[in-house]
Amino acid sequence: MQAMTTRRPLNTAGDLFDPRGLRRVFDEVFQGWPSLSGEGNAITSAWLPACDVFESNDSLKIVAEIPGVTPEDVKLTLENNVLTIRGEKKQESEDRADRVHRYERSYGAFERSFVLPSTTDAERIEANYKDGILTVTVAKVEKARPRQITVQAS
């Protein structure tokens, strides 16, 4: 028995330019394909956490959404001015007494890399994790920070 769903006709041109619509197009195209685990009708995809990057006069800040990931499962590395955030969101074992109709949450390993500008100080990087949000702050080198120059009267 298949899960009951309500469908609206595809508007291919409109759906392709709307992220939700595009997701729906792929869901319908691949409906019925077995998942990688061999259960249900879901397609398992790689997980890529959303990140925001901010720059201030003093630092560069990368904010990543990684709910369900423990700080112990996150690793930060810096090599050749490339900051890499790696981790893994582990799937909790669930009671399989009921049939699974859909898996939408993503699990598994992830990796995001960011090329740091030459104005950053690789020796002054801080990482904080709170409520599923990882915040990495990279200080700028002193010479890259804006400074005010006083004009002297002659």
N, C-alpha and C. Protein backbone atom coordinates (compact mmCIF):
# COMPACT_ATOMS: atom_id res chain seq x y z
N MET A 1 0.84 -1.17 0.00
CA MET A 1 0.00 0.00 0.00
C MET A 1 0.89 1.24 0.00
N GLN A 2 0.57 2.16 -0.86
CA GLN A 2 1.37 3.38 -0.99
C GLN A 2 0.76 4.49 -0.14
N ALA A 3 1.61 5.40 0.35
CA ALA A 3 1.13 6.52 1.16
C ALA A 3 0.21 7.39 0.34
N MET A 4 -0.81 7.94 0.99
CA MET A 4 -1.74 8.82 0.30
C MET A 4 -1.12 10.20 0.16
N THR A 5 -1.14 10.73 -1.04
CA THR A 5 -0.63 12.07 -1.27
C THR A 5 -1.58 12.80 -2.20
N THR A 6 -1.57 14.10 -2.10
CA THR A 6 -2.34 14.93 -3.01
C THR A 6 -1.34 15.57 -3.96
N ARG A 7 -1.63 15.53 -5.23
CA ARG A 7 -0.72 16.09 -6.22
C ARG A 7 -1.39 17.19 -6.99
N ARG A 8 -0.60 18.19 -7.35
CA ARG A 8 -1.10 19.19 -8.27
C ARG A 8 -0.32 19.02 -9.56
N PRO A 9 -0.89 19.38 -10.70
CA PRO A 9 -0.18 19.21 -11.97
C PRO A 9 1.14 19.99 -11.96
N LEU A 10 2.14 19.42 -12.62
CA LEU A 10 3.43 20.10 -12.72
C LEU A 10 3.35 21.28 -13.67
N ASN A 11 3.88 22.38 -13.24
CA ASN A 11 4.07 23.55 -14.10
C ASN A 11 5.57 23.60 -14.32
N THR A 12 6.06 22.87 -15.29
CA THR A 12 7.49 22.63 -15.44
C THR A 12 8.31 23.91 -15.44
N ALA A 13 7.95 24.89 -16.23
CA ALA A 13 8.74 26.12 -16.28
C ALA A 13 8.75 26.82 -14.93
N GLY A 14 7.60 26.96 -14.30
CA GLY A 14 7.52 27.62 -13.00
C GLY A 14 8.21 26.81 -11.91
N ASP A 15 8.02 25.49 -11.93
CA ASP A 15 8.60 24.64 -10.90
C ASP A 15 10.12 24.59 -10.97
N LEU A 16 10.67 24.68 -12.16
CA LEU A 16 12.12 24.60 -12.29
C LEU A 16 12.83 25.80 -11.70
N PHE A 17 12.13 26.94 -11.60
CA PHE A 17 12.76 28.13 -11.05
C PHE A 17 12.39 28.37 -9.59
N ASP A 18 11.57 27.52 -9.03
CA ASP A 18 11.19 27.60 -7.62
C ASP A 18 11.82 26.40 -6.91
N PRO A 19 12.67 26.62 -5.87
CA PRO A 19 13.34 25.48 -5.21
C PRO A 19 12.38 24.41 -4.71
N ARG A 20 11.22 24.81 -4.17
CA ARG A 20 10.26 23.81 -3.70
C ARG A 20 9.67 23.05 -4.87
N GLY A 21 9.42 23.76 -5.95
CA GLY A 21 8.86 23.11 -7.13
C GLY A 21 9.86 22.16 -7.77
N LEU A 22 11.12 22.58 -7.81
CA LEU A 22 12.16 21.72 -8.37
C LEU A 22 12.28 20.44 -7.55
N ARG A 23 12.21 20.58 -6.23
CA ARG A 23 12.27 19.40 -5.37
C ARG A 23 11.11 18.47 -5.69
N ARG A 24 9.93 19.06 -5.90
CA ARG A 24 8.74 18.27 -6.21
C ARG A 24 8.89 17.56 -7.56
N VAL A 25 9.49 18.25 -8.54
CA VAL A 25 9.72 17.63 -9.85
C VAL A 25 10.59 16.39 -9.68
N PHE A 26 11.70 16.52 -8.92
CA PHE A 26 12.58 15.37 -8.70
C PHE A 26 11.87 14.27 -7.90
N ASP A 27 11.08 14.67 -6.89
CA ASP A 27 10.34 13.66 -6.12
C ASP A 27 9.43 12.85 -7.03
N GLU A 28 8.74 13.53 -7.96
CA GLU A 28 7.81 12.82 -8.82
C GLU A 28 8.54 11.98 -9.88
N VAL A 29 9.63 12.50 -10.40
CA VAL A 29 10.38 11.75 -11.41
C VAL A 29 10.94 10.47 -10.82
N PHE A 30 11.46 10.56 -9.56
CA PHE A 30 12.12 9.41 -8.96
C PHE A 30 11.22 8.63 -8.01
N GLN A 31 9.93 8.95 -7.99
CA GLN A 31 9.01 8.23 -7.12
C GLN A 31 9.03 6.74 -7.48
N GLY A 32 9.06 5.92 -6.48
CA GLY A 32 9.05 4.48 -6.72
C GLY A 32 10.42 3.87 -6.82
N TRP A 33 11.46 4.68 -6.96
CA TRP A 33 12.81 4.13 -6.97
C TRP A 33 13.15 3.70 -5.56
N PRO A 34 13.85 2.62 -5.40
CA PRO A 34 14.22 2.20 -4.05
C PRO A 34 15.29 3.15 -3.49
N SER A 35 15.28 3.29 -2.19
CA SER A 35 16.31 4.12 -1.56
C SER A 35 17.61 3.35 -1.55
N LEU A 36 18.68 4.04 -1.19
CA LEU A 36 19.98 3.37 -1.14
C LEU A 36 20.00 2.29 -0.07
N SER A 37 19.17 2.42 0.97
CA SER A 37 19.13 1.41 2.01
C SER A 37 18.23 0.24 1.63
N GLY A 38 17.51 0.40 0.50
CA GLY A 38 16.65 -0.68 0.05
C GLY A 38 15.26 -0.65 0.68
N GLU A 39 14.97 0.38 1.48
CA GLU A 39 13.67 0.46 2.13
C GLU A 39 12.90 1.66 1.62
N GLY A 40 11.60 1.55 1.57
CA GLY A 40 10.75 2.68 1.25
C GLY A 40 10.93 3.18 -0.17
N ASN A 41 10.40 4.38 -0.42
CA ASN A 41 10.47 4.98 -1.74
C ASN A 41 11.21 6.30 -1.70
N ALA A 42 12.21 6.42 -0.88
CA ALA A 42 12.93 7.68 -0.75
C ALA A 42 14.28 7.59 -1.45
N ILE A 43 14.71 8.71 -1.96
CA ILE A 43 16.05 8.82 -2.52
C ILE A 43 16.91 9.46 -1.44
N THR A 44 18.01 8.84 -1.10
CA THR A 44 18.90 9.38 -0.08
C THR A 44 19.89 10.31 -0.75
N SER A 45 20.07 11.50 -0.20
CA SER A 45 20.97 12.47 -0.81
C SER A 45 22.07 12.86 0.16
N ALA A 46 23.10 13.44 -0.36
CA ALA A 46 24.18 13.94 0.48
C ALA A 46 23.67 15.15 1.24
N TRP A 47 24.24 15.35 2.41
CA TRP A 47 23.80 16.45 3.25
C TRP A 47 24.81 17.57 3.17
N LEU A 48 24.35 18.77 2.91
CA LEU A 48 25.21 19.94 2.81
C LEU A 48 24.61 21.03 3.67
N PRO A 49 25.21 21.31 4.85
CA PRO A 49 24.61 22.31 5.73
C PRO A 49 24.64 23.71 5.12
N ALA A 50 23.60 24.48 5.41
CA ALA A 50 23.54 25.87 4.94
C ALA A 50 24.52 26.72 5.74
N CYS A 51 25.20 27.62 5.04
CA CYS A 51 26.20 28.49 5.68
C CYS A 51 25.99 29.94 5.24
N ASP A 52 26.21 30.84 6.17
CA ASP A 52 26.23 32.27 5.88
C ASP A 52 27.63 32.77 6.16
N VAL A 53 28.11 33.72 5.37
CA VAL A 53 29.44 34.30 5.56
C VAL A 53 29.28 35.81 5.71
N PHE A 54 29.85 36.34 6.79
CA PHE A 54 29.78 37.78 7.08
C PHE A 54 31.18 38.34 7.22
N GLU A 55 31.34 39.60 6.87
CA GLU A 55 32.64 40.26 7.03
C GLU A 55 32.42 41.59 7.75
N SER A 56 33.24 41.83 8.76
CA SER A 56 33.22 43.12 9.46
C SER A 56 34.61 43.73 9.31
N ASN A 57 34.82 44.87 9.92
CA ASN A 57 36.15 45.50 9.88
C ASN A 57 37.21 44.65 10.56
N ASP A 58 36.79 43.85 11.57
CA ASP A 58 37.74 43.10 12.38
C ASP A 58 37.85 41.62 12.04
N SER A 59 36.84 41.05 11.40
CA SER A 59 36.85 39.60 11.23
C SER A 59 35.97 39.14 10.07
N LEU A 60 36.11 37.85 9.78
CA LEU A 60 35.27 37.13 8.83
C LEU A 60 34.54 36.09 9.67
N LYS A 61 33.24 35.94 9.47
CA LYS A 61 32.46 35.02 10.28
C LYS A 61 31.69 34.07 9.37
N ILE A 62 31.80 32.77 9.67
CA ILE A 62 31.07 31.73 8.94
C ILE A 62 30.10 31.09 9.93
N VAL A 63 28.81 31.10 9.58
CA VAL A 63 27.79 30.53 10.45
C VAL A 63 27.15 29.36 9.70
N ALA A 64 27.22 28.16 10.31
CA ALA A 64 26.70 26.95 9.66
C ALA A 64 25.59 26.34 10.50
N GLU A 65 24.51 25.95 9.85
CA GLU A 65 23.42 25.24 10.52
C GLU A 65 23.74 23.75 10.49
N ILE A 66 23.97 23.18 11.66
CA ILE A 66 24.26 21.74 11.73
C ILE A 66 23.47 21.10 12.88
N PRO A 67 22.14 21.22 12.85
CA PRO A 67 21.34 20.63 13.93
C PRO A 67 21.51 19.12 13.98
N GLY A 68 21.53 18.59 15.18
CA GLY A 68 21.65 17.15 15.34
C GLY A 68 23.08 16.65 15.29
N VAL A 69 24.04 17.54 15.10
CA VAL A 69 25.45 17.17 15.07
C VAL A 69 26.06 17.60 16.40
N THR A 70 26.77 16.70 17.05
CA THR A 70 27.42 17.07 18.31
C THR A 70 28.74 17.77 18.00
N PRO A 71 29.19 18.65 18.90
CA PRO A 71 30.48 19.33 18.66
C PRO A 71 31.64 18.35 18.49
N GLU A 72 31.55 17.20 19.12
CA GLU A 72 32.61 16.18 18.99
C GLU A 72 32.67 15.60 17.58
N ASP A 73 31.57 15.70 16.83
CA ASP A 73 31.51 15.16 15.47
C ASP A 73 31.83 16.20 14.40
N VAL A 74 32.35 17.37 14.82
CA VAL A 74 32.72 18.43 13.89
C VAL A 74 34.23 18.64 13.96
N LYS A 75 34.87 18.71 12.80
CA LYS A 75 36.32 18.95 12.71
C LYS A 75 36.57 20.14 11.79
N LEU A 76 37.41 21.06 12.24
CA LEU A 76 37.81 22.20 11.42
C LEU A 76 39.29 22.06 11.09
N THR A 77 39.63 22.27 9.83
CA THR A 77 41.04 22.24 9.43
C THR A 77 41.32 23.46 8.56
N LEU A 78 42.58 23.87 8.60
CA LEU A 78 43.03 24.98 7.76
C LEU A 78 44.29 24.53 7.03
N GLU A 79 44.23 24.55 5.71
CA GLU A 79 45.38 24.15 4.90
C GLU A 79 45.41 25.01 3.65
N ASN A 80 46.56 25.65 3.40
CA ASN A 80 46.74 26.52 2.23
C ASN A 80 45.64 27.58 2.13
N ASN A 81 45.32 28.18 3.26
CA ASN A 81 44.32 29.24 3.35
C ASN A 81 42.90 28.77 3.01
N VAL A 82 42.65 27.47 3.11
CA VAL A 82 41.31 26.92 2.90
C VAL A 82 40.83 26.35 4.23
N LEU A 83 39.74 26.93 4.74
CA LEU A 83 39.13 26.46 5.98
C LEU A 83 38.08 25.43 5.61
N THR A 84 38.18 24.23 6.19
CA THR A 84 37.25 23.15 5.89
C THR A 84 36.52 22.74 7.16
N ILE A 85 35.21 22.65 7.05
CA ILE A 85 34.36 22.17 8.14
C ILE A 85 33.86 20.80 7.73
N ARG A 86 34.20 19.79 8.53
CA ARG A 86 33.77 18.41 8.25
C ARG A 86 32.99 17.91 9.46
N GLY A 87 32.09 17.02 9.21
CA GLY A 87 31.36 16.42 10.32
C GLY A 87 30.45 15.32 9.86
N GLU A 88 29.68 14.84 10.81
CA GLU A 88 28.75 13.77 10.49
C GLU A 88 27.51 13.90 11.37
N LYS A 89 26.37 13.80 10.73
CA LYS A 89 25.10 13.77 11.43
C LYS A 89 24.67 12.31 11.45
N LYS A 90 24.66 11.73 12.64
CA LYS A 90 24.38 10.30 12.77
C LYS A 90 22.88 10.06 12.92
N GLN A 91 22.40 9.04 12.23
CA GLN A 91 20.99 8.69 12.30
C GLN A 91 20.75 7.89 13.57
N GLU A 92 19.75 8.31 14.33
CA GLU A 92 19.39 7.59 15.54
C GLU A 92 18.66 6.32 15.14
N SER A 93 18.91 5.26 15.89
CA SER A 93 18.18 4.02 15.58
C SER A 93 16.74 4.22 16.00
N GLU A 94 15.85 3.85 15.11
CA GLU A 94 14.43 4.04 15.36
C GLU A 94 13.74 2.69 15.41
N ASP A 95 12.64 2.64 16.12
CA ASP A 95 11.85 1.42 16.19
C ASP A 95 11.26 1.16 14.81
N ARG A 96 11.58 0.05 14.21
CA ARG A 96 11.13 -0.26 12.85
C ARG A 96 9.87 -1.12 12.84
N ALA A 97 9.05 -1.03 13.89
CA ALA A 97 7.82 -1.81 13.93
C ALA A 97 6.84 -1.32 12.87
N ASP A 98 6.87 -0.01 12.59
CA ASP A 98 5.97 0.55 11.59
C ASP A 98 6.70 0.65 10.25
N ARG A 99 5.90 0.66 9.18
CA ARG A 99 6.50 0.85 7.86
C ARG A 99 6.91 2.31 7.70
N VAL A 100 7.99 2.52 6.99
CA VAL A 100 8.46 3.88 6.72
C VAL A 100 7.89 4.32 5.39
N HIS A 101 7.24 5.47 5.36
CA HIS A 101 6.67 5.99 4.12
C HIS A 101 7.58 7.01 3.47
N ARG A 102 8.36 7.71 4.26
CA ARG A 102 9.23 8.75 3.68
C ARG A 102 10.34 9.10 4.67
N TYR A 103 11.53 9.28 4.14
CA TYR A 103 12.65 9.85 4.88
C TYR A 103 12.97 11.19 4.23
N GLU A 104 12.89 12.27 4.98
CA GLU A 104 13.23 13.58 4.43
C GLU A 104 14.43 14.19 5.14
N ARG A 105 14.70 13.76 6.35
CA ARG A 105 15.84 14.31 7.07
C ARG A 105 17.12 13.70 6.50
N SER A 106 18.16 14.50 6.41
CA SER A 106 19.42 14.04 5.84
C SER A 106 20.40 13.66 6.94
N TYR A 107 21.15 12.62 6.68
CA TYR A 107 22.15 12.14 7.62
C TYR A 107 23.43 11.85 6.85
N GLY A 108 24.49 11.67 7.60
CA GLY A 108 25.75 11.27 7.00
C GLY A 108 26.81 12.33 7.12
N ALA A 109 27.91 12.09 6.44
CA ALA A 109 29.06 13.00 6.49
C ALA A 109 28.80 14.21 5.61
N PHE A 110 29.40 15.33 6.01
CA PHE A 110 29.32 16.56 5.23
C PHE A 110 30.67 17.25 5.26
N GLU A 111 30.86 18.12 4.28
CA GLU A 111 32.10 18.90 4.20
C GLU A 111 31.81 20.20 3.46
N ARG A 112 32.25 21.31 4.05
CA ARG A 112 32.16 22.64 3.42
C ARG A 112 33.54 23.26 3.51
N SER A 113 34.01 23.87 2.42
CA SER A 113 35.33 24.51 2.38
C SER A 113 35.18 25.96 1.95
N PHE A 114 36.01 26.82 2.55
CA PHE A 114 35.98 28.25 2.28
C PHE A 114 37.41 28.75 2.10
N VAL A 115 37.67 29.43 0.99
CA VAL A 115 38.98 30.03 0.77
C VAL A 115 39.01 31.34 1.55
N LEU A 116 39.95 31.45 2.46
CA LEU A 116 40.06 32.66 3.28
C LEU A 116 40.88 33.70 2.54
N PRO A 117 40.46 34.95 2.61
CA PRO A 117 41.24 36.01 1.95
C PRO A 117 42.57 36.21 2.68
N SER A 118 43.52 36.80 1.99
CA SER A 118 44.85 37.02 2.58
C SER A 118 44.82 38.01 3.72
N THR A 119 43.71 38.69 3.91
CA THR A 119 43.58 39.67 5.00
C THR A 119 43.24 39.03 6.34
N THR A 120 43.05 37.69 6.37
CA THR A 120 42.72 37.01 7.62
C THR A 120 43.95 36.49 8.32
N ASP A 121 43.85 36.33 9.63
CA ASP A 121 44.95 35.84 10.47
C ASP A 121 44.67 34.38 10.83
N ALA A 122 45.39 33.46 10.20
CA ALA A 122 45.17 32.03 10.40
C ALA A 122 45.45 31.58 11.84
N GLU A 123 46.18 32.38 12.59
CA GLU A 123 46.51 32.04 13.97
C GLU A 123 45.37 32.41 14.94
N ARG A 124 44.42 33.18 14.47
CA ARG A 124 43.34 33.63 15.36
C ARG A 124 41.97 33.22 14.81
N ILE A 125 41.69 31.93 14.96
CA ILE A 125 40.41 31.36 14.53
C ILE A 125 39.72 30.79 15.77
N GLU A 126 38.45 31.15 15.93
CA GLU A 126 37.65 30.62 17.04
C GLU A 126 36.42 29.94 16.48
N ALA A 127 36.00 28.86 17.14
CA ALA A 127 34.79 28.15 16.73
C ALA A 127 33.92 27.93 17.95
N ASN A 128 32.63 28.29 17.84
CA ASN A 128 31.67 28.10 18.91
C ASN A 128 30.45 27.38 18.37
N TYR A 129 29.85 26.53 19.21
CA TYR A 129 28.68 25.76 18.82
C TYR A 129 27.59 25.95 19.87
N LYS A 130 26.41 26.35 19.42
CA LYS A 130 25.28 26.51 20.35
C LYS A 130 23.99 26.29 19.58
N ASP A 131 23.12 25.45 20.14
CA ASP A 131 21.78 25.20 19.59
C ASP A 131 21.81 24.83 18.11
N GLY A 132 22.75 23.98 17.71
CA GLY A 132 22.79 23.52 16.32
C GLY A 132 23.43 24.49 15.34
N ILE A 133 24.00 25.58 15.86
CA ILE A 133 24.64 26.59 15.01
C ILE A 133 26.13 26.63 15.33
N LEU A 134 26.96 26.43 14.31
CA LEU A 134 28.41 26.54 14.45
C LEU A 134 28.82 27.91 13.92
N THR A 135 29.54 28.67 14.75
CA THR A 135 30.02 29.99 14.35
C THR A 135 31.54 29.97 14.38
N VAL A 136 32.14 30.19 13.22
CA VAL A 136 33.61 30.24 13.10
C VAL A 136 33.98 31.69 12.82
N THR A 137 34.83 32.24 13.67
CA THR A 137 35.27 33.63 13.52
C THR A 137 36.76 33.64 13.23
N VAL A 138 37.13 34.29 12.14
CA VAL A 138 38.53 34.41 11.74
C VAL A 138 38.88 35.89 11.79
N ALA A 139 39.83 36.23 12.67
CA ALA A 139 40.23 37.64 12.81
C ALA A 139 41.00 38.09 11.58
N LYS A 140 40.93 39.38 11.32
CA LYS A 140 41.72 39.96 10.23
C LYS A 140 43.07 40.40 10.77
N VAL A 141 44.07 40.41 9.90
CA VAL A 141 45.38 40.91 10.31
C VAL A 141 45.28 42.41 10.56
N GLU A 142 46.11 42.89 11.44
CA GLU A 142 46.04 44.29 11.85
C GLU A 142 46.14 45.25 10.67
N LYS A 143 47.04 44.97 9.72
CA LYS A 143 47.23 45.89 8.59
C LYS A 143 46.04 45.92 7.64
N ALA A 144 45.15 44.91 7.72
CA ALA A 144 43.98 44.87 6.84
C ALA A 144 42.79 45.63 7.42
N ARG A 145 42.87 45.96 8.68
CA ARG A 145 41.76 46.67 9.32
C ARG A 145 41.77 48.14 8.93
N PRO A 146 40.61 48.69 8.68
CA PRO A 146 40.56 50.11 8.33
C PRO A 146 41.02 50.96 9.52
N ARG A 147 41.71 52.02 9.21
CA ARG A 147 42.15 52.92 10.27
C ARG A 147 41.96 54.36 9.80
N GLN A 148 41.80 55.21 10.76
CA GLN A 148 41.59 56.61 10.47
C GLN A 148 42.95 57.32 10.50
N ILE A 149 43.18 58.19 9.54
CA ILE A 149 44.43 58.96 9.49
C ILE A 149 44.09 60.42 9.78
N THR A 150 44.75 60.95 10.77
CA THR A 150 44.51 62.34 11.14
C THR A 150 45.22 63.26 10.18
N VAL A 151 44.51 64.28 9.75
CA VAL A 151 45.09 65.28 8.86
C VAL A 151 45.72 66.36 9.72
N GLN A 152 46.99 66.63 9.50
CA GLN A 152 47.73 67.64 10.29
C GLN A 152 47.68 68.99 9.54
N ALA A 153 47.45 70.01 10.30
CA ALA A 153 47.50 71.35 9.73
C ALA A 153 48.94 71.80 9.64
N SER A 154 49.33 72.49 8.55
CA SER A 154 50.70 72.94 8.42
C SER A 154 50.89 74.36 8.88
